[in-house]
Amino acid sequence: MSKKGLFGDIVFKIRLTIRLMTDQRVAFYLKLIPVIALVYLVVPFDLLIGPIDDAVLLMGAVQMFVSLCPQDVVEEHTDYLRNRKPPQSSQTVQFLEEDAPDKK
């Protein structure tokens, strides 16, 4: 689990899945896995009563989809999602303010 917790991990997996679904390097038949899982969600019958089986099936399908995609493509999209915003800490801001030339 990452620093963001369970909800952050779920959001990350969904965003990664969307990026992989739009990537042409991922085989079409692999893209059917999340699509079939979404179809199962809207079909009026369930294997078990309640939302638990739906959530487990959806997360299992997402995990299987990501694990079957080409590893280099998954790593590329993972790196993008994790590093697209540079980290900003108060120490960085203070460091820049200390080294800034005086405007006299």
N, C-alpha and C. Protein backbone atom coordinates (compact mmCIF):
# COMPACT_ATOMS: atom_id res chain seq x y z
N MET A 1 0.84 -1.17 0.00
CA MET A 1 0.00 0.00 0.00
C MET A 1 0.89 1.24 0.00
N SER A 2 0.52 2.26 -0.74
CA SER A 2 1.32 3.47 -0.83
C SER A 2 0.99 4.42 0.31
N LYS A 3 1.65 5.58 0.28
CA LYS A 3 1.44 6.59 1.32
C LYS A 3 0.02 7.13 1.31
N LYS A 4 -0.64 7.10 0.17
CA LYS A 4 -1.98 7.67 0.06
C LYS A 4 -3.05 6.74 0.62
N GLY A 5 -2.72 5.50 0.88
CA GLY A 5 -3.68 4.57 1.44
C GLY A 5 -4.42 3.79 0.37
N LEU A 6 -5.41 3.08 0.83
CA LEU A 6 -6.18 2.20 -0.05
C LEU A 6 -6.90 2.97 -1.14
N PHE A 7 -7.55 4.07 -0.79
CA PHE A 7 -8.28 4.85 -1.79
C PHE A 7 -7.33 5.40 -2.86
N GLY A 8 -6.15 5.86 -2.46
CA GLY A 8 -5.17 6.35 -3.42
C GLY A 8 -4.68 5.26 -4.35
N ASP A 9 -4.53 4.04 -3.82
CA ASP A 9 -4.12 2.91 -4.66
C ASP A 9 -5.20 2.55 -5.68
N ILE A 10 -6.44 2.61 -5.25
CA ILE A 10 -7.55 2.29 -6.17
C ILE A 10 -7.61 3.32 -7.29
N VAL A 11 -7.51 4.59 -6.94
CA VAL A 11 -7.53 5.66 -7.95
C VAL A 11 -6.35 5.50 -8.90
N PHE A 12 -5.18 5.18 -8.36
CA PHE A 12 -3.99 5.00 -9.20
C PHE A 12 -4.19 3.85 -10.19
N LYS A 13 -4.74 2.72 -9.72
CA LYS A 13 -4.97 1.56 -10.60
C LYS A 13 -5.98 1.91 -11.69
N ILE A 14 -7.00 2.67 -11.35
CA ILE A 14 -7.99 3.05 -12.35
C ILE A 14 -7.36 3.96 -13.40
N ARG A 15 -6.57 4.93 -12.96
CA ARG A 15 -5.91 5.83 -13.91
C ARG A 15 -4.91 5.08 -14.78
N LEU A 16 -4.19 4.13 -14.18
CA LEU A 16 -3.25 3.32 -14.95
C LEU A 16 -3.98 2.47 -15.98
N THR A 17 -5.11 1.91 -15.58
CA THR A 17 -5.91 1.09 -16.51
C THR A 17 -6.41 1.93 -17.67
N ILE A 18 -6.88 3.13 -17.41
CA ILE A 18 -7.36 4.00 -18.48
C ILE A 18 -6.23 4.32 -19.45
N ARG A 19 -5.05 4.64 -18.91
CA ARG A 19 -3.91 4.95 -19.78
C ARG A 19 -3.51 3.73 -20.62
N LEU A 20 -3.53 2.54 -20.01
CA LEU A 20 -3.17 1.33 -20.76
C LEU A 20 -4.23 0.99 -21.80
N MET A 21 -5.49 1.28 -21.51
CA MET A 21 -6.56 1.01 -22.47
C MET A 21 -6.42 1.88 -23.72
N THR A 22 -5.86 3.07 -23.56
CA THR A 22 -5.72 3.98 -24.70
C THR A 22 -4.38 3.81 -25.42
N ASP A 23 -3.51 2.97 -24.90
CA ASP A 23 -2.20 2.75 -25.51
C ASP A 23 -2.32 1.70 -26.61
N GLN A 24 -1.83 2.02 -27.80
CA GLN A 24 -1.93 1.11 -28.94
C GLN A 24 -0.97 -0.07 -28.84
N ARG A 25 0.00 -0.01 -27.95
CA ARG A 25 0.94 -1.12 -27.78
C ARG A 25 0.36 -2.27 -26.97
N VAL A 26 -0.79 -2.06 -26.34
CA VAL A 26 -1.46 -3.11 -25.58
C VAL A 26 -2.42 -3.83 -26.52
N ALA A 27 -2.35 -5.15 -26.51
CA ALA A 27 -3.18 -5.96 -27.41
C ALA A 27 -4.67 -5.76 -27.15
N PHE A 28 -5.43 -5.82 -28.22
CA PHE A 28 -6.87 -5.61 -28.15
C PHE A 28 -7.54 -6.62 -27.23
N TYR A 29 -7.14 -7.89 -27.33
CA TYR A 29 -7.78 -8.92 -26.52
C TYR A 29 -7.54 -8.71 -25.02
N LEU A 30 -6.44 -8.06 -24.66
CA LEU A 30 -6.22 -7.74 -23.25
C LEU A 30 -7.15 -6.63 -22.78
N LYS A 31 -7.47 -5.73 -23.68
CA LYS A 31 -8.36 -4.62 -23.33
C LYS A 31 -9.79 -5.10 -23.08
N LEU A 32 -10.09 -6.32 -23.49
CA LEU A 32 -11.42 -6.87 -23.25
C LEU A 32 -11.64 -7.22 -21.77
N ILE A 33 -10.56 -7.46 -21.03
CA ILE A 33 -10.68 -7.85 -19.62
C ILE A 33 -11.42 -6.79 -18.80
N PRO A 34 -10.96 -5.51 -18.80
CA PRO A 34 -11.71 -4.51 -18.03
C PRO A 34 -13.10 -4.23 -18.60
N VAL A 35 -13.23 -4.34 -19.92
CA VAL A 35 -14.54 -4.10 -20.54
C VAL A 35 -15.55 -5.15 -20.08
N ILE A 36 -15.13 -6.42 -20.06
CA ILE A 36 -16.02 -7.49 -19.60
C ILE A 36 -16.38 -7.29 -18.13
N ALA A 37 -15.42 -6.84 -17.32
CA ALA A 37 -15.71 -6.58 -15.91
C ALA A 37 -16.73 -5.47 -15.76
N LEU A 38 -16.63 -4.42 -16.57
CA LEU A 38 -17.61 -3.33 -16.51
C LEU A 38 -18.99 -3.80 -16.97
N VAL A 39 -19.02 -4.67 -17.98
CA VAL A 39 -20.30 -5.22 -18.44
C VAL A 39 -20.95 -6.02 -17.32
N TYR A 40 -20.14 -6.78 -16.58
CA TYR A 40 -20.67 -7.56 -15.46
C TYR A 40 -21.32 -6.65 -14.42
N LEU A 41 -20.77 -5.46 -14.23
CA LEU A 41 -21.33 -4.54 -13.24
C LEU A 41 -22.74 -4.08 -13.61
N VAL A 42 -23.01 -3.94 -14.91
CA VAL A 42 -24.32 -3.42 -15.32
C VAL A 42 -25.33 -4.52 -15.61
N VAL A 43 -24.87 -5.77 -15.68
CA VAL A 43 -25.80 -6.89 -15.89
C VAL A 43 -26.62 -7.07 -14.61
N PRO A 44 -27.92 -7.30 -14.74
CA PRO A 44 -28.78 -7.30 -13.55
C PRO A 44 -28.63 -8.51 -12.63
N PHE A 45 -27.84 -9.52 -12.96
CA PHE A 45 -27.69 -10.65 -12.04
C PHE A 45 -26.31 -10.62 -11.40
N ASP A 46 -26.22 -11.17 -10.20
CA ASP A 46 -24.97 -11.21 -9.45
C ASP A 46 -24.69 -12.64 -9.03
N LEU A 47 -23.41 -12.93 -8.83
CA LEU A 47 -23.03 -14.23 -8.28
C LEU A 47 -23.38 -14.30 -6.80
N LEU A 48 -23.17 -13.21 -6.11
CA LEU A 48 -23.51 -13.09 -4.69
C LEU A 48 -24.35 -11.83 -4.50
N ILE A 49 -25.11 -11.79 -3.45
CA ILE A 49 -25.93 -10.62 -3.18
C ILE A 49 -25.04 -9.54 -2.56
N GLY A 50 -25.14 -8.34 -3.07
CA GLY A 50 -24.39 -7.23 -2.52
C GLY A 50 -23.27 -6.77 -3.44
N PRO A 51 -22.63 -5.68 -3.06
CA PRO A 51 -21.60 -5.09 -3.92
C PRO A 51 -20.20 -5.70 -3.76
N ILE A 52 -20.04 -6.61 -2.79
CA ILE A 52 -18.71 -7.15 -2.53
C ILE A 52 -18.17 -7.93 -3.73
N ASP A 53 -18.98 -8.80 -4.31
CA ASP A 53 -18.50 -9.58 -5.45
C ASP A 53 -18.19 -8.69 -6.65
N ASP A 54 -18.95 -7.62 -6.82
CA ASP A 54 -18.69 -6.69 -7.92
C ASP A 54 -17.33 -6.01 -7.73
N ALA A 55 -17.05 -5.55 -6.53
CA ALA A 55 -15.79 -4.87 -6.25
C ALA A 55 -14.61 -5.82 -6.41
N VAL A 56 -14.75 -7.03 -5.90
CA VAL A 56 -13.66 -8.01 -6.00
C VAL A 56 -13.41 -8.37 -7.46
N LEU A 57 -14.48 -8.59 -8.21
CA LEU A 57 -14.33 -8.92 -9.62
C LEU A 57 -13.67 -7.78 -10.40
N LEU A 58 -14.11 -6.57 -10.15
CA LEU A 58 -13.55 -5.42 -10.87
C LEU A 58 -12.07 -5.23 -10.54
N MET A 59 -11.71 -5.27 -9.26
CA MET A 59 -10.30 -5.09 -8.89
C MET A 59 -9.45 -6.26 -9.37
N GLY A 60 -10.01 -7.47 -9.36
CA GLY A 60 -9.28 -8.62 -9.89
C GLY A 60 -9.05 -8.49 -11.38
N ALA A 61 -10.05 -8.01 -12.10
CA ALA A 61 -9.91 -7.82 -13.55
C ALA A 61 -8.87 -6.75 -13.86
N VAL A 62 -8.88 -5.66 -13.09
CA VAL A 62 -7.89 -4.60 -13.30
C VAL A 62 -6.49 -5.12 -13.02
N GLN A 63 -6.33 -5.88 -11.93
CA GLN A 63 -5.02 -6.42 -11.59
C GLN A 63 -4.54 -7.40 -12.65
N MET A 64 -5.43 -8.26 -13.14
CA MET A 64 -5.05 -9.21 -14.18
C MET A 64 -4.69 -8.47 -15.47
N PHE A 65 -5.46 -7.46 -15.83
CA PHE A 65 -5.16 -6.67 -17.03
C PHE A 65 -3.78 -6.03 -16.95
N VAL A 66 -3.49 -5.38 -15.83
CA VAL A 66 -2.19 -4.71 -15.67
C VAL A 66 -1.06 -5.73 -15.69
N SER A 67 -1.24 -6.87 -15.06
CA SER A 67 -0.17 -7.86 -15.01
C SER A 67 0.07 -8.53 -16.36
N LEU A 68 -0.94 -8.58 -17.23
CA LEU A 68 -0.77 -9.20 -18.54
C LEU A 68 -0.27 -8.22 -19.60
N CYS A 69 -0.35 -6.93 -19.35
CA CYS A 69 0.14 -5.93 -20.29
C CYS A 69 1.67 -6.00 -20.36
N PRO A 70 2.26 -5.56 -21.48
CA PRO A 70 3.73 -5.54 -21.57
C PRO A 70 4.34 -4.72 -20.43
N GLN A 71 5.33 -5.31 -19.76
CA GLN A 71 5.89 -4.70 -18.56
C GLN A 71 6.49 -3.33 -18.83
N ASP A 72 7.16 -3.14 -19.97
CA ASP A 72 7.76 -1.84 -20.26
C ASP A 72 6.72 -0.76 -20.45
N VAL A 73 5.57 -1.12 -21.01
CA VAL A 73 4.49 -0.16 -21.20
C VAL A 73 3.89 0.21 -19.85
N VAL A 74 3.69 -0.78 -18.98
CA VAL A 74 3.15 -0.52 -17.64
C VAL A 74 4.10 0.38 -16.86
N GLU A 75 5.40 0.10 -16.93
CA GLU A 75 6.38 0.92 -16.21
C GLU A 75 6.41 2.35 -16.73
N GLU A 76 6.28 2.52 -18.03
CA GLU A 76 6.26 3.86 -18.62
C GLU A 76 5.07 4.67 -18.10
N HIS A 77 3.90 4.07 -18.09
CA HIS A 77 2.71 4.78 -17.62
C HIS A 77 2.74 4.98 -16.10
N THR A 78 3.28 4.02 -15.39
CA THR A 78 3.41 4.15 -13.94
C THR A 78 4.33 5.31 -13.59
N ASP A 79 5.47 5.38 -14.28
CA ASP A 79 6.41 6.48 -14.05
C ASP A 79 5.76 7.83 -14.34
N TYR A 80 5.01 7.90 -15.43
CA TYR A 80 4.34 9.16 -15.76
C TYR A 80 3.36 9.57 -14.67
N LEU A 81 2.53 8.62 -14.23
CA LEU A 81 1.51 8.95 -13.23
C LEU A 81 2.13 9.34 -11.90
N ARG A 82 3.23 8.74 -11.55
CA ARG A 82 3.85 9.05 -10.25
C ARG A 82 4.70 10.31 -10.29
N ASN A 83 5.24 10.69 -11.44
CA ASN A 83 6.22 11.78 -11.49
C ASN A 83 5.76 12.99 -12.29
N ARG A 84 4.51 13.07 -12.66
CA ARG A 84 4.12 14.19 -13.50
C ARG A 84 4.08 15.51 -12.76
N LYS A 85 3.97 15.48 -11.44
CA LYS A 85 4.02 16.71 -10.65
C LYS A 85 5.29 16.67 -9.81
N PRO A 86 6.16 17.64 -9.96
CA PRO A 86 7.37 17.62 -9.13
C PRO A 86 7.02 17.86 -7.67
N PRO A 87 7.69 17.14 -6.77
CA PRO A 87 7.39 17.34 -5.34
C PRO A 87 7.77 18.73 -4.90
N GLN A 88 6.91 19.35 -4.11
CA GLN A 88 7.19 20.67 -3.59
C GLN A 88 7.19 20.59 -2.07
N SER A 89 8.32 20.91 -1.49
CA SER A 89 8.39 20.92 -0.03
C SER A 89 8.73 22.32 0.43
N SER A 90 8.48 22.60 1.67
CA SER A 90 8.76 23.93 2.21
C SER A 90 10.26 24.19 2.23
N GLN A 91 11.08 23.13 2.35
CA GLN A 91 12.53 23.30 2.34
C GLN A 91 13.01 23.80 0.98
N THR A 92 12.41 23.31 -0.09
CA THR A 92 12.79 23.75 -1.43
C THR A 92 12.47 25.22 -1.60
N VAL A 93 11.32 25.64 -1.16
CA VAL A 93 10.93 27.04 -1.28
C VAL A 93 11.87 27.92 -0.46
N GLN A 94 12.18 27.51 0.75
CA GLN A 94 13.08 28.29 1.59
C GLN A 94 14.47 28.35 0.96
N PHE A 95 14.92 27.26 0.38
CA PHE A 95 16.24 27.23 -0.25
C PHE A 95 16.29 28.23 -1.40
N LEU A 96 15.25 28.28 -2.20
CA LEU A 96 15.23 29.21 -3.32
C LEU A 96 15.16 30.65 -2.84
N GLU A 97 14.40 30.90 -1.78
CA GLU A 97 14.29 32.27 -1.27
C GLU A 97 15.61 32.74 -0.66
N GLU A 98 16.37 31.87 -0.02
CA GLU A 98 17.63 32.25 0.59
C GLU A 98 18.68 32.60 -0.46
N ASP A 99 18.65 31.88 -1.59
CA ASP A 99 19.66 32.11 -2.63
C ASP A 99 19.26 33.19 -3.63
N ALA A 100 18.07 33.73 -3.51
CA ALA A 100 17.60 34.74 -4.47
C ALA A 100 18.39 36.03 -4.25
N PRO A 101 18.82 36.66 -5.37
CA PRO A 101 19.56 37.93 -5.24
C PRO A 101 18.66 39.04 -4.72
N ASP A 102 19.25 39.97 -4.02
CA ASP A 102 18.51 41.11 -3.49
C ASP A 102 18.07 42.00 -4.65
N LYS A 103 16.87 42.55 -4.53
CA LYS A 103 16.33 43.43 -5.59
C LYS A 103 16.51 44.88 -5.18
N LYS A 104 17.75 45.29 -4.92
CA LYS A 104 18.02 46.67 -4.51
C LYS A 104 18.43 47.53 -5.67
